[in-house]
N, C-alpha and C. Protein backbone atom coordinates (compact mmCIF):
# COMPACT_ATOMS: atom_id res chain seq x y z
N MET A 1 -33.11 -33.57 10.38
CA MET A 1 -32.35 -32.88 11.38
C MET A 1 -32.36 -33.73 12.65
N PRO A 2 -31.16 -34.00 13.22
CA PRO A 2 -31.12 -34.86 14.41
C PRO A 2 -31.65 -34.12 15.64
N ILE A 3 -32.21 -34.92 16.54
CA ILE A 3 -32.73 -34.36 17.78
C ILE A 3 -31.80 -34.80 18.91
N THR A 4 -31.40 -33.85 19.74
CA THR A 4 -30.53 -34.18 20.87
C THR A 4 -31.24 -33.83 22.16
N ARG A 5 -30.69 -34.29 23.24
CA ARG A 5 -31.27 -34.02 24.55
C ARG A 5 -30.43 -32.96 25.25
N GLY A 6 -31.10 -31.95 25.81
CA GLY A 6 -30.43 -30.89 26.53
C GLY A 6 -30.13 -31.29 27.96
N ARG A 7 -29.81 -30.34 28.81
CA ARG A 7 -29.49 -30.60 30.21
C ARG A 7 -30.69 -31.15 30.97
N SER A 8 -31.86 -30.65 30.62
CA SER A 8 -33.05 -31.10 31.34
C SER A 8 -33.60 -32.41 30.77
N ASN A 9 -32.85 -33.04 29.88
CA ASN A 9 -33.20 -34.31 29.25
C ASN A 9 -34.48 -34.23 28.42
N GLN A 10 -34.81 -33.04 27.97
CA GLN A 10 -35.96 -32.88 27.08
C GLN A 10 -35.44 -32.71 25.65
N PRO A 11 -36.21 -33.18 24.67
CA PRO A 11 -35.75 -33.05 23.29
C PRO A 11 -35.57 -31.58 22.90
N MET A 12 -34.49 -31.33 22.15
CA MET A 12 -34.20 -29.98 21.71
C MET A 12 -33.64 -30.09 20.30
N GLU A 13 -34.17 -29.30 19.38
CA GLU A 13 -33.70 -29.38 18.01
C GLU A 13 -32.45 -28.55 17.82
N LEU A 14 -31.52 -29.07 17.05
CA LEU A 14 -30.29 -28.33 16.75
C LEU A 14 -30.59 -27.21 15.77
N ALA A 15 -29.81 -26.18 15.86
CA ALA A 15 -29.95 -25.10 14.89
C ALA A 15 -29.52 -25.62 13.53
N GLU A 16 -30.17 -25.13 12.49
CA GLU A 16 -29.82 -25.62 11.16
C GLU A 16 -28.39 -25.23 10.81
N GLU A 17 -27.77 -26.07 9.98
CA GLU A 17 -26.38 -25.83 9.61
C GLU A 17 -26.26 -24.51 8.88
N LYS A 18 -25.19 -23.80 9.19
CA LYS A 18 -25.00 -22.48 8.58
C LYS A 18 -24.58 -22.65 7.12
N GLN A 19 -25.21 -21.87 6.29
CA GLN A 19 -24.91 -21.91 4.87
C GLN A 19 -23.64 -21.12 4.56
N PHE A 20 -23.38 -20.08 5.36
CA PHE A 20 -22.24 -19.21 5.11
C PHE A 20 -21.27 -19.22 6.29
N ASP A 21 -20.01 -19.00 5.97
CA ASP A 21 -18.99 -18.83 7.00
C ASP A 21 -18.95 -17.34 7.35
N GLU A 22 -19.28 -17.01 8.59
CA GLU A 22 -19.32 -15.61 9.02
C GLU A 22 -18.12 -15.35 9.92
N ARG A 23 -17.31 -14.35 9.56
CA ARG A 23 -16.14 -14.03 10.38
C ARG A 23 -16.13 -12.55 10.72
N VAL A 24 -15.98 -12.27 12.00
CA VAL A 24 -15.86 -10.89 12.46
C VAL A 24 -14.40 -10.48 12.28
N VAL A 25 -14.18 -9.45 11.47
CA VAL A 25 -12.83 -9.01 11.16
C VAL A 25 -12.35 -7.96 12.15
N HIS A 26 -13.24 -7.03 12.48
CA HIS A 26 -12.80 -5.93 13.34
C HIS A 26 -13.99 -5.33 14.08
N ILE A 27 -13.76 -4.96 15.33
CA ILE A 27 -14.78 -4.28 16.12
C ILE A 27 -14.17 -3.00 16.70
N ASP A 28 -14.85 -1.89 16.50
CA ASP A 28 -14.41 -0.59 17.00
C ASP A 28 -15.43 -0.04 17.98
N ARG A 29 -14.95 0.71 18.94
CA ARG A 29 -15.86 1.46 19.80
C ARG A 29 -15.84 2.89 19.29
N VAL A 30 -16.98 3.38 18.87
CA VAL A 30 -17.07 4.73 18.31
C VAL A 30 -17.90 5.59 19.25
N ALA A 31 -17.64 6.89 19.23
CA ALA A 31 -18.34 7.79 20.14
C ALA A 31 -18.97 8.94 19.39
N ARG A 32 -20.11 9.38 19.91
CA ARG A 32 -20.77 10.58 19.39
C ARG A 32 -20.81 11.55 20.55
N VAL A 33 -20.31 12.75 20.34
CA VAL A 33 -20.27 13.73 21.41
C VAL A 33 -21.60 14.48 21.45
N VAL A 34 -22.22 14.45 22.61
CA VAL A 34 -23.48 15.15 22.83
C VAL A 34 -23.29 16.11 24.01
N LYS A 35 -24.35 16.83 24.33
CA LYS A 35 -24.26 17.86 25.37
C LYS A 35 -23.78 17.31 26.71
N GLY A 36 -24.24 16.15 27.10
CA GLY A 36 -23.88 15.59 28.40
C GLY A 36 -22.59 14.80 28.42
N GLY A 37 -21.96 14.61 27.29
CA GLY A 37 -20.72 13.81 27.22
C GLY A 37 -20.66 13.02 25.94
N ARG A 38 -20.21 11.77 26.04
CA ARG A 38 -20.07 10.93 24.86
C ARG A 38 -21.05 9.77 24.92
N ARG A 39 -21.59 9.42 23.75
CA ARG A 39 -22.43 8.23 23.64
C ARG A 39 -21.63 7.19 22.86
N PHE A 40 -21.40 6.06 23.47
CA PHE A 40 -20.58 5.03 22.84
C PHE A 40 -21.45 3.99 22.13
N ARG A 41 -20.98 3.59 20.96
CA ARG A 41 -21.61 2.52 20.18
C ARG A 41 -20.49 1.63 19.66
N PHE A 42 -20.85 0.55 19.02
CA PHE A 42 -19.85 -0.37 18.48
C PHE A 42 -20.06 -0.54 16.99
N ARG A 43 -18.94 -0.58 16.26
CA ARG A 43 -18.99 -0.80 14.80
C ARG A 43 -18.29 -2.13 14.51
N ALA A 44 -18.95 -2.98 13.74
CA ALA A 44 -18.40 -4.29 13.40
C ALA A 44 -18.18 -4.41 11.90
N LEU A 45 -17.06 -5.00 11.52
CA LEU A 45 -16.76 -5.31 10.13
C LEU A 45 -16.77 -6.83 10.01
N VAL A 46 -17.66 -7.36 9.17
CA VAL A 46 -17.87 -8.80 9.06
C VAL A 46 -17.69 -9.25 7.61
N VAL A 47 -17.09 -10.43 7.44
CA VAL A 47 -16.94 -11.05 6.12
C VAL A 47 -17.75 -12.33 6.10
N VAL A 48 -18.55 -12.52 5.05
CA VAL A 48 -19.40 -13.70 4.91
C VAL A 48 -19.09 -14.36 3.57
N GLY A 49 -18.90 -15.68 3.58
CA GLY A 49 -18.62 -16.39 2.33
C GLY A 49 -19.10 -17.82 2.40
N ASP A 50 -19.17 -18.47 1.24
CA ASP A 50 -19.64 -19.85 1.20
C ASP A 50 -18.56 -20.84 0.78
N HIS A 51 -17.31 -20.40 0.66
CA HIS A 51 -16.18 -21.23 0.24
C HIS A 51 -16.37 -21.78 -1.17
N LYS A 52 -17.31 -21.21 -1.93
CA LYS A 52 -17.55 -21.63 -3.31
C LYS A 52 -17.62 -20.41 -4.22
N SER A 53 -16.72 -19.49 -4.07
CA SER A 53 -16.57 -18.29 -4.90
C SER A 53 -17.62 -17.21 -4.68
N ARG A 54 -18.29 -17.20 -3.52
CA ARG A 54 -19.19 -16.10 -3.19
C ARG A 54 -18.75 -15.49 -1.87
N VAL A 55 -18.66 -14.17 -1.84
CA VAL A 55 -18.19 -13.48 -0.64
C VAL A 55 -18.85 -12.11 -0.55
N GLY A 56 -19.02 -11.63 0.68
CA GLY A 56 -19.59 -10.31 0.91
C GLY A 56 -19.05 -9.72 2.19
N ILE A 57 -19.00 -8.40 2.26
CA ILE A 57 -18.56 -7.74 3.49
C ILE A 57 -19.63 -6.75 3.94
N GLY A 58 -19.69 -6.54 5.23
CA GLY A 58 -20.67 -5.61 5.78
C GLY A 58 -20.12 -4.91 7.00
N SER A 59 -20.49 -3.67 7.15
CA SER A 59 -20.08 -2.89 8.31
C SER A 59 -21.32 -2.22 8.88
N ALA A 60 -21.50 -2.33 10.20
CA ALA A 60 -22.69 -1.74 10.82
C ALA A 60 -22.37 -1.36 12.26
N LYS A 61 -23.21 -0.45 12.79
CA LYS A 61 -23.06 0.00 14.17
C LYS A 61 -24.24 -0.47 14.99
N GLY A 62 -24.00 -0.66 16.27
CA GLY A 62 -25.07 -1.06 17.17
C GLY A 62 -24.77 -0.63 18.58
N ALA A 63 -25.78 -0.69 19.46
CA ALA A 63 -25.62 -0.29 20.85
C ALA A 63 -24.68 -1.23 21.60
N ASP A 64 -24.68 -2.51 21.22
CA ASP A 64 -23.72 -3.45 21.79
C ASP A 64 -23.09 -4.26 20.66
N VAL A 65 -22.10 -5.07 21.01
CA VAL A 65 -21.32 -5.79 19.98
C VAL A 65 -22.20 -6.77 19.22
N THR A 66 -23.05 -7.51 19.91
CA THR A 66 -23.87 -8.51 19.21
C THR A 66 -24.84 -7.87 18.23
N ALA A 67 -25.39 -6.72 18.59
CA ALA A 67 -26.30 -6.03 17.66
C ALA A 67 -25.54 -5.55 16.44
N ALA A 68 -24.34 -5.03 16.63
CA ALA A 68 -23.52 -4.55 15.51
C ALA A 68 -23.14 -5.70 14.58
N VAL A 69 -22.75 -6.84 15.17
CA VAL A 69 -22.35 -8.00 14.37
C VAL A 69 -23.55 -8.55 13.59
N THR A 70 -24.70 -8.63 14.22
CA THR A 70 -25.90 -9.14 13.55
C THR A 70 -26.28 -8.27 12.36
N LYS A 71 -26.26 -6.95 12.56
CA LYS A 71 -26.56 -6.03 11.46
C LYS A 71 -25.54 -6.15 10.33
N ALA A 72 -24.26 -6.26 10.71
CA ALA A 72 -23.20 -6.36 9.70
C ALA A 72 -23.32 -7.64 8.88
N VAL A 73 -23.72 -8.75 9.53
CA VAL A 73 -23.89 -10.02 8.81
C VAL A 73 -25.02 -9.89 7.79
N GLU A 74 -26.11 -9.25 8.18
CA GLU A 74 -27.23 -9.06 7.24
C GLU A 74 -26.80 -8.21 6.05
N ILE A 75 -26.05 -7.16 6.30
CA ILE A 75 -25.57 -6.30 5.21
C ILE A 75 -24.63 -7.07 4.30
N ALA A 76 -23.75 -7.88 4.89
CA ALA A 76 -22.80 -8.67 4.10
C ALA A 76 -23.53 -9.68 3.21
N LYS A 77 -24.59 -10.30 3.73
CA LYS A 77 -25.35 -11.27 2.93
C LYS A 77 -26.07 -10.60 1.77
N LYS A 78 -26.51 -9.35 1.97
CA LYS A 78 -27.17 -8.63 0.89
C LYS A 78 -26.20 -8.19 -0.18
N ASN A 79 -24.94 -7.98 0.20
CA ASN A 79 -23.94 -7.47 -0.75
C ASN A 79 -22.97 -8.55 -1.22
N MET A 80 -23.43 -9.79 -1.33
CA MET A 80 -22.56 -10.88 -1.78
C MET A 80 -22.25 -10.72 -3.27
N VAL A 81 -21.00 -11.04 -3.63
CA VAL A 81 -20.59 -11.00 -5.03
C VAL A 81 -20.04 -12.38 -5.41
N SER A 82 -20.21 -12.74 -6.67
CA SER A 82 -19.66 -14.00 -7.17
C SER A 82 -18.34 -13.73 -7.86
N LEU A 83 -17.37 -14.56 -7.58
CA LEU A 83 -16.04 -14.40 -8.15
C LEU A 83 -15.81 -15.43 -9.24
N SER A 84 -14.92 -15.11 -10.15
CA SER A 84 -14.57 -16.06 -11.20
C SER A 84 -13.22 -16.66 -10.85
N LEU A 85 -13.25 -17.88 -10.31
CA LEU A 85 -12.02 -18.57 -9.93
C LEU A 85 -11.64 -19.56 -11.01
N TYR A 86 -10.35 -19.91 -11.05
CA TYR A 86 -9.85 -20.85 -12.03
C TYR A 86 -8.93 -21.83 -11.31
N LYS A 87 -9.37 -23.06 -11.12
CA LYS A 87 -8.60 -24.12 -10.47
C LYS A 87 -8.08 -23.71 -9.09
N GLY A 88 -8.93 -23.12 -8.29
CA GLY A 88 -8.56 -22.75 -6.93
C GLY A 88 -7.76 -21.47 -6.79
N THR A 89 -7.53 -20.79 -7.90
CA THR A 89 -6.81 -19.52 -7.85
C THR A 89 -7.52 -18.52 -8.74
N LEU A 90 -6.88 -17.42 -9.03
CA LEU A 90 -7.47 -16.38 -9.86
C LEU A 90 -7.00 -16.53 -11.31
N PRO A 91 -7.80 -16.11 -12.28
CA PRO A 91 -7.36 -16.22 -13.67
C PRO A 91 -6.23 -15.26 -14.03
N HIS A 92 -6.19 -14.10 -13.40
CA HIS A 92 -5.13 -13.12 -13.68
C HIS A 92 -4.99 -12.19 -12.49
N GLU A 93 -3.95 -11.36 -12.50
CA GLU A 93 -3.76 -10.44 -11.38
C GLU A 93 -4.70 -9.26 -11.47
N SER A 94 -4.94 -8.65 -10.34
CA SER A 94 -5.85 -7.52 -10.27
C SER A 94 -5.39 -6.57 -9.18
N GLN A 95 -5.72 -5.30 -9.38
CA GLN A 95 -5.32 -4.28 -8.42
C GLN A 95 -6.48 -3.30 -8.24
N ALA A 96 -6.67 -2.83 -7.03
CA ALA A 96 -7.75 -1.87 -6.76
C ALA A 96 -7.34 -0.95 -5.62
N LYS A 97 -7.96 0.23 -5.62
CA LYS A 97 -7.68 1.21 -4.59
C LYS A 97 -8.98 1.79 -4.07
N VAL A 98 -9.13 1.83 -2.75
CA VAL A 98 -10.27 2.46 -2.09
C VAL A 98 -9.69 3.32 -0.98
N GLY A 99 -9.96 4.60 -1.04
CA GLY A 99 -9.39 5.51 -0.05
C GLY A 99 -7.87 5.48 -0.15
N GLY A 100 -7.20 5.23 0.96
CA GLY A 100 -5.75 5.15 0.95
C GLY A 100 -5.24 3.73 0.83
N ALA A 101 -6.13 2.75 0.85
CA ALA A 101 -5.72 1.34 0.78
C ALA A 101 -5.65 0.87 -0.66
N GLN A 102 -4.54 0.25 -1.00
CA GLN A 102 -4.35 -0.29 -2.35
C GLN A 102 -3.98 -1.76 -2.22
N ILE A 103 -4.66 -2.62 -2.99
CA ILE A 103 -4.48 -4.07 -2.90
C ILE A 103 -4.08 -4.63 -4.26
N LEU A 104 -3.08 -5.51 -4.25
CA LEU A 104 -2.66 -6.23 -5.44
C LEU A 104 -2.81 -7.72 -5.14
N ILE A 105 -3.56 -8.44 -5.98
CA ILE A 105 -3.71 -9.89 -5.81
C ILE A 105 -3.29 -10.56 -7.11
N LYS A 106 -2.52 -11.65 -6.97
CA LYS A 106 -1.98 -12.36 -8.14
C LYS A 106 -2.26 -13.86 -8.00
N PRO A 107 -2.47 -14.53 -9.12
CA PRO A 107 -2.65 -15.99 -9.06
C PRO A 107 -1.34 -16.68 -8.67
N ALA A 108 -1.45 -17.87 -8.09
CA ALA A 108 -0.28 -18.63 -7.68
C ALA A 108 -0.46 -20.09 -8.09
N SER A 109 0.66 -20.80 -8.22
CA SER A 109 0.62 -22.19 -8.63
C SER A 109 0.09 -23.06 -7.49
N PRO A 110 -0.44 -24.24 -7.82
CA PRO A 110 -0.99 -25.13 -6.78
C PRO A 110 0.05 -25.47 -5.72
N GLY A 111 -0.36 -25.45 -4.47
CA GLY A 111 0.54 -25.74 -3.36
C GLY A 111 1.13 -24.51 -2.71
N THR A 112 0.91 -23.36 -3.30
CA THR A 112 1.46 -22.12 -2.73
C THR A 112 0.72 -21.73 -1.46
N GLY A 113 -0.59 -21.85 -1.48
CA GLY A 113 -1.41 -21.44 -0.34
C GLY A 113 -1.77 -19.97 -0.43
N LEU A 114 -2.33 -19.45 0.64
CA LEU A 114 -2.72 -18.04 0.68
C LEU A 114 -1.57 -17.23 1.27
N ILE A 115 -0.94 -16.46 0.43
CA ILE A 115 0.11 -15.55 0.90
C ILE A 115 -0.56 -14.19 1.00
N ALA A 116 -1.23 -13.97 2.11
CA ALA A 116 -1.96 -12.73 2.35
C ALA A 116 -2.07 -12.56 3.85
N GLY A 117 -2.31 -11.36 4.27
CA GLY A 117 -2.41 -11.11 5.70
C GLY A 117 -3.65 -10.31 6.04
N GLY A 118 -4.06 -10.43 7.28
CA GLY A 118 -5.15 -9.62 7.81
C GLY A 118 -6.48 -9.82 7.12
N VAL A 119 -7.08 -8.72 6.76
CA VAL A 119 -8.41 -8.74 6.16
C VAL A 119 -8.41 -9.45 4.81
N VAL A 120 -7.37 -9.25 4.02
CA VAL A 120 -7.30 -9.85 2.68
C VAL A 120 -7.33 -11.37 2.79
N ARG A 121 -6.60 -11.91 3.74
CA ARG A 121 -6.56 -13.36 3.93
C ARG A 121 -7.94 -13.90 4.31
N THR A 122 -8.62 -13.21 5.22
CA THR A 122 -9.94 -13.65 5.65
C THR A 122 -10.93 -13.66 4.49
N ILE A 123 -10.91 -12.61 3.68
CA ILE A 123 -11.83 -12.53 2.54
C ILE A 123 -11.55 -13.65 1.55
N LEU A 124 -10.28 -13.90 1.24
CA LEU A 124 -9.93 -14.94 0.28
C LEU A 124 -10.26 -16.34 0.83
N GLU A 125 -10.09 -16.54 2.14
CA GLU A 125 -10.43 -17.85 2.74
C GLU A 125 -11.91 -18.15 2.62
N VAL A 126 -12.76 -17.20 3.01
CA VAL A 126 -14.19 -17.47 2.97
C VAL A 126 -14.73 -17.50 1.55
N ALA A 127 -13.99 -16.93 0.60
CA ALA A 127 -14.39 -16.99 -0.80
C ALA A 127 -14.05 -18.35 -1.42
N GLY A 128 -13.13 -19.08 -0.82
CA GLY A 128 -12.76 -20.40 -1.34
C GLY A 128 -11.55 -20.37 -2.24
N VAL A 129 -10.75 -19.32 -2.19
CA VAL A 129 -9.52 -19.24 -2.98
C VAL A 129 -8.43 -19.98 -2.22
N ASN A 130 -7.70 -20.89 -2.90
CA ASN A 130 -6.69 -21.70 -2.23
C ASN A 130 -5.27 -21.20 -2.44
N ASN A 131 -4.95 -20.72 -3.63
CA ASN A 131 -3.59 -20.31 -3.95
C ASN A 131 -3.59 -18.91 -4.53
N VAL A 132 -3.00 -17.98 -3.81
CA VAL A 132 -2.94 -16.60 -4.30
C VAL A 132 -1.83 -15.85 -3.57
N LEU A 133 -1.27 -14.88 -4.25
CA LEU A 133 -0.29 -13.97 -3.66
C LEU A 133 -0.93 -12.60 -3.56
N SER A 134 -0.64 -11.86 -2.50
CA SER A 134 -1.24 -10.54 -2.38
C SER A 134 -0.26 -9.58 -1.73
N LYS A 135 -0.50 -8.30 -1.99
CA LYS A 135 0.30 -7.24 -1.40
C LYS A 135 -0.64 -6.11 -1.06
N SER A 136 -0.55 -5.64 0.19
CA SER A 136 -1.35 -4.50 0.63
C SER A 136 -0.43 -3.30 0.70
N MET A 137 -0.77 -2.27 -0.05
CA MET A 137 0.06 -1.06 -0.09
C MET A 137 -0.76 0.12 0.40
N GLY A 138 -0.11 1.08 0.97
CA GLY A 138 -0.82 2.26 1.41
C GLY A 138 -1.38 2.08 2.81
N SER A 139 -2.59 2.52 3.01
CA SER A 139 -3.23 2.55 4.32
C SER A 139 -3.49 1.14 4.86
N ALA A 140 -3.45 1.03 6.19
CA ALA A 140 -3.75 -0.24 6.85
C ALA A 140 -5.16 -0.23 7.42
N ASN A 141 -5.98 0.73 7.03
CA ASN A 141 -7.36 0.82 7.49
C ASN A 141 -8.10 -0.45 7.06
N LYS A 142 -8.64 -1.19 8.02
CA LYS A 142 -9.23 -2.50 7.72
C LYS A 142 -10.48 -2.39 6.85
N THR A 143 -11.28 -1.36 7.06
CA THR A 143 -12.50 -1.21 6.26
C THR A 143 -12.15 -0.92 4.81
N ASN A 144 -11.25 0.03 4.56
CA ASN A 144 -10.86 0.36 3.19
C ASN A 144 -10.12 -0.80 2.53
N THR A 145 -9.31 -1.53 3.30
CA THR A 145 -8.61 -2.69 2.75
C THR A 145 -9.60 -3.76 2.32
N ALA A 146 -10.65 -3.99 3.12
CA ALA A 146 -11.66 -4.99 2.78
C ALA A 146 -12.40 -4.59 1.51
N TYR A 147 -12.82 -3.34 1.41
CA TYR A 147 -13.54 -2.89 0.21
C TYR A 147 -12.63 -2.90 -1.02
N ALA A 148 -11.35 -2.59 -0.85
CA ALA A 148 -10.41 -2.64 -1.97
C ALA A 148 -10.21 -4.07 -2.45
N THR A 149 -10.18 -5.01 -1.52
CA THR A 149 -10.03 -6.43 -1.90
C THR A 149 -11.23 -6.90 -2.70
N ILE A 150 -12.43 -6.55 -2.25
CA ILE A 150 -13.64 -6.92 -2.99
C ILE A 150 -13.64 -6.28 -4.37
N LYS A 151 -13.23 -5.03 -4.45
CA LYS A 151 -13.18 -4.32 -5.73
C LYS A 151 -12.19 -4.98 -6.68
N ALA A 152 -11.03 -5.42 -6.16
CA ALA A 152 -10.04 -6.11 -6.98
C ALA A 152 -10.56 -7.46 -7.46
N LEU A 153 -11.29 -8.17 -6.59
CA LEU A 153 -11.85 -9.46 -6.98
C LEU A 153 -12.95 -9.31 -8.02
N GLN A 154 -13.73 -8.22 -7.93
CA GLN A 154 -14.79 -7.98 -8.91
C GLN A 154 -14.22 -7.59 -10.27
N ALA A 155 -13.03 -7.02 -10.29
CA ALA A 155 -12.42 -6.57 -11.55
C ALA A 155 -11.84 -7.72 -12.36
N ILE A 156 -11.83 -8.91 -11.82
CA ILE A 156 -11.27 -10.06 -12.53
C ILE A 156 -12.22 -10.52 -13.63
N VAL A 157 -11.67 -10.69 -14.82
CA VAL A 157 -12.44 -11.15 -15.98
C VAL A 157 -12.28 -12.67 -16.07
N PRO A 158 -13.38 -13.42 -16.16
CA PRO A 158 -13.26 -14.88 -16.27
C PRO A 158 -12.47 -15.30 -17.50
N ALA A 159 -11.75 -16.40 -17.39
CA ALA A 159 -10.90 -16.87 -18.49
C ALA A 159 -11.69 -17.14 -19.76
N LYS A 160 -12.96 -17.53 -19.62
CA LYS A 160 -13.75 -17.83 -20.82
C LYS A 160 -14.12 -16.58 -21.61
N LEU A 161 -14.00 -15.40 -21.00
CA LEU A 161 -14.32 -14.15 -21.70
C LEU A 161 -13.09 -13.46 -22.29
N TRP A 162 -11.91 -14.05 -22.11
CA TRP A 162 -10.71 -13.46 -22.69
C TRP A 162 -10.76 -13.57 -24.19
N ILE A 163 -10.23 -12.59 -24.89
CA ILE A 163 -10.17 -12.64 -26.35
C ILE A 163 -8.83 -13.25 -26.73
N THR A 164 -8.90 -14.47 -27.24
CA THR A 164 -7.69 -15.18 -27.67
C THR A 164 -7.92 -15.70 -29.08
N ARG A 165 -6.93 -16.34 -29.63
CA ARG A 165 -7.05 -16.87 -30.99
C ARG A 165 -8.07 -18.00 -31.05
N GLN A 166 -8.22 -18.72 -29.95
CA GLN A 166 -9.13 -19.86 -29.96
C GLN A 166 -10.59 -19.43 -29.91
N ASN A 167 -10.90 -18.35 -29.20
CA ASN A 167 -12.31 -17.99 -29.08
C ASN A 167 -12.70 -16.76 -29.87
N SER A 168 -11.87 -16.36 -30.82
CA SER A 168 -12.28 -15.29 -31.73
C SER A 168 -11.92 -15.71 -33.14
N ASP A 169 -12.75 -15.35 -34.08
CA ASP A 169 -12.54 -15.75 -35.47
C ASP A 169 -11.84 -14.62 -36.21
N TYR A 170 -10.53 -14.80 -36.45
CA TYR A 170 -9.74 -13.76 -37.11
C TYR A 170 -10.04 -13.66 -38.60
N SER A 171 -10.63 -14.72 -39.17
CA SER A 171 -10.90 -14.68 -40.61
C SER A 171 -12.00 -13.67 -40.94
N LYS A 172 -12.88 -13.40 -39.99
CA LYS A 172 -13.97 -12.46 -40.23
C LYS A 172 -13.54 -11.02 -40.05
N LEU A 173 -12.43 -10.83 -39.35
CA LEU A 173 -11.97 -9.46 -39.12
C LEU A 173 -11.33 -8.90 -40.39
N GLU A 174 -11.66 -7.70 -40.69
CA GLU A 174 -11.06 -7.05 -41.85
C GLU A 174 -9.92 -6.17 -41.38
N THR A 175 -8.82 -6.30 -42.05
CA THR A 175 -7.70 -5.43 -41.71
C THR A 175 -7.79 -4.18 -42.55
N PRO A 176 -7.64 -3.04 -41.94
CA PRO A 176 -7.73 -1.81 -42.72
C PRO A 176 -6.54 -1.70 -43.68
N LYS A 177 -6.85 -1.21 -44.88
CA LYS A 177 -5.80 -1.06 -45.89
C LYS A 177 -5.15 0.30 -45.67
N VAL A 178 -3.86 0.26 -45.56
CA VAL A 178 -3.10 1.49 -45.34
C VAL A 178 -2.49 1.92 -46.66
N ALA A 179 -2.64 3.18 -47.00
CA ALA A 179 -2.06 3.70 -48.25
C ALA A 179 -0.54 3.69 -48.14
N ASP A 180 0.09 3.53 -49.29
CA ASP A 180 1.55 3.53 -49.30
C ASP A 180 2.04 4.90 -48.85
N PRO A 181 3.03 4.91 -47.98
CA PRO A 181 3.54 6.20 -47.55
C PRO A 181 4.27 6.89 -48.69
N LYS A 182 4.24 8.18 -48.66
CA LYS A 182 4.94 8.94 -49.71
C LYS A 182 6.43 8.72 -49.55
N PRO A 183 7.14 8.65 -50.65
CA PRO A 183 8.59 8.46 -50.54
C PRO A 183 9.21 9.68 -49.86
N ALA A 184 10.19 9.39 -49.06
CA ALA A 184 10.86 10.46 -48.32
C ALA A 184 11.61 11.35 -49.30
N THR A 185 11.53 12.63 -49.10
CA THR A 185 12.25 13.57 -49.96
C THR A 185 13.52 13.99 -49.26
N LYS A 186 14.56 14.14 -50.11
CA LYS A 186 15.83 14.52 -49.55
C LYS A 186 15.86 16.02 -49.35
N ILE A 187 16.39 16.41 -48.24
CA ILE A 187 16.57 17.82 -47.98
C ILE A 187 18.03 18.15 -48.28
N VAL A 188 18.21 19.07 -49.20
CA VAL A 188 19.56 19.45 -49.61
C VAL A 188 19.91 20.75 -48.87
N ALA A 189 21.04 20.69 -48.23
CA ALA A 189 21.48 21.88 -47.50
C ALA A 189 22.03 22.90 -48.46
N LYS A 190 21.69 24.17 -48.26
CA LYS A 190 22.19 25.24 -49.12
C LYS A 190 23.62 25.57 -48.74
N LYS A 191 24.45 25.81 -49.79
CA LYS A 191 25.84 26.16 -49.55
C LYS A 191 26.08 27.60 -49.75
């Protein structure tokens, strides 16, 4: 770790490089009504990722913004999930709904980039996804949209687990024998 000199020309060690990209997505001022009036606190929504297919989100409240953000970062690091990416994009499309927010994410060809907005874009960026198409339907609530995006990403099945002709042995499968259907009988109308 390099040593640099501060303003007072004394040696000072640099903070260690951050392992995760931490992004504050949204900060709200929330109130609790008590006998004497309102007590204000802050709620922070934070996304944490390593740009290598791991991402997590956290939401926490605190007396001030920095306390809320610090708590949210810790929660996001505890709730990290690993994604199954395929060549910088997703193996297949996925859809999820949380509350009123509904998210659809689809794979895209190389060079497309991230076609996503708001919270969805931030989550996909810190996860390390390069090419994807997305659509946010329903509610624009940032917290529910973030959780719906994570749920959609978790629902993706890796390409190596797909059942295809190459990775399943059809010779071992037995086809059920179906009995011959009875011949159709003619119905004669009475005259």
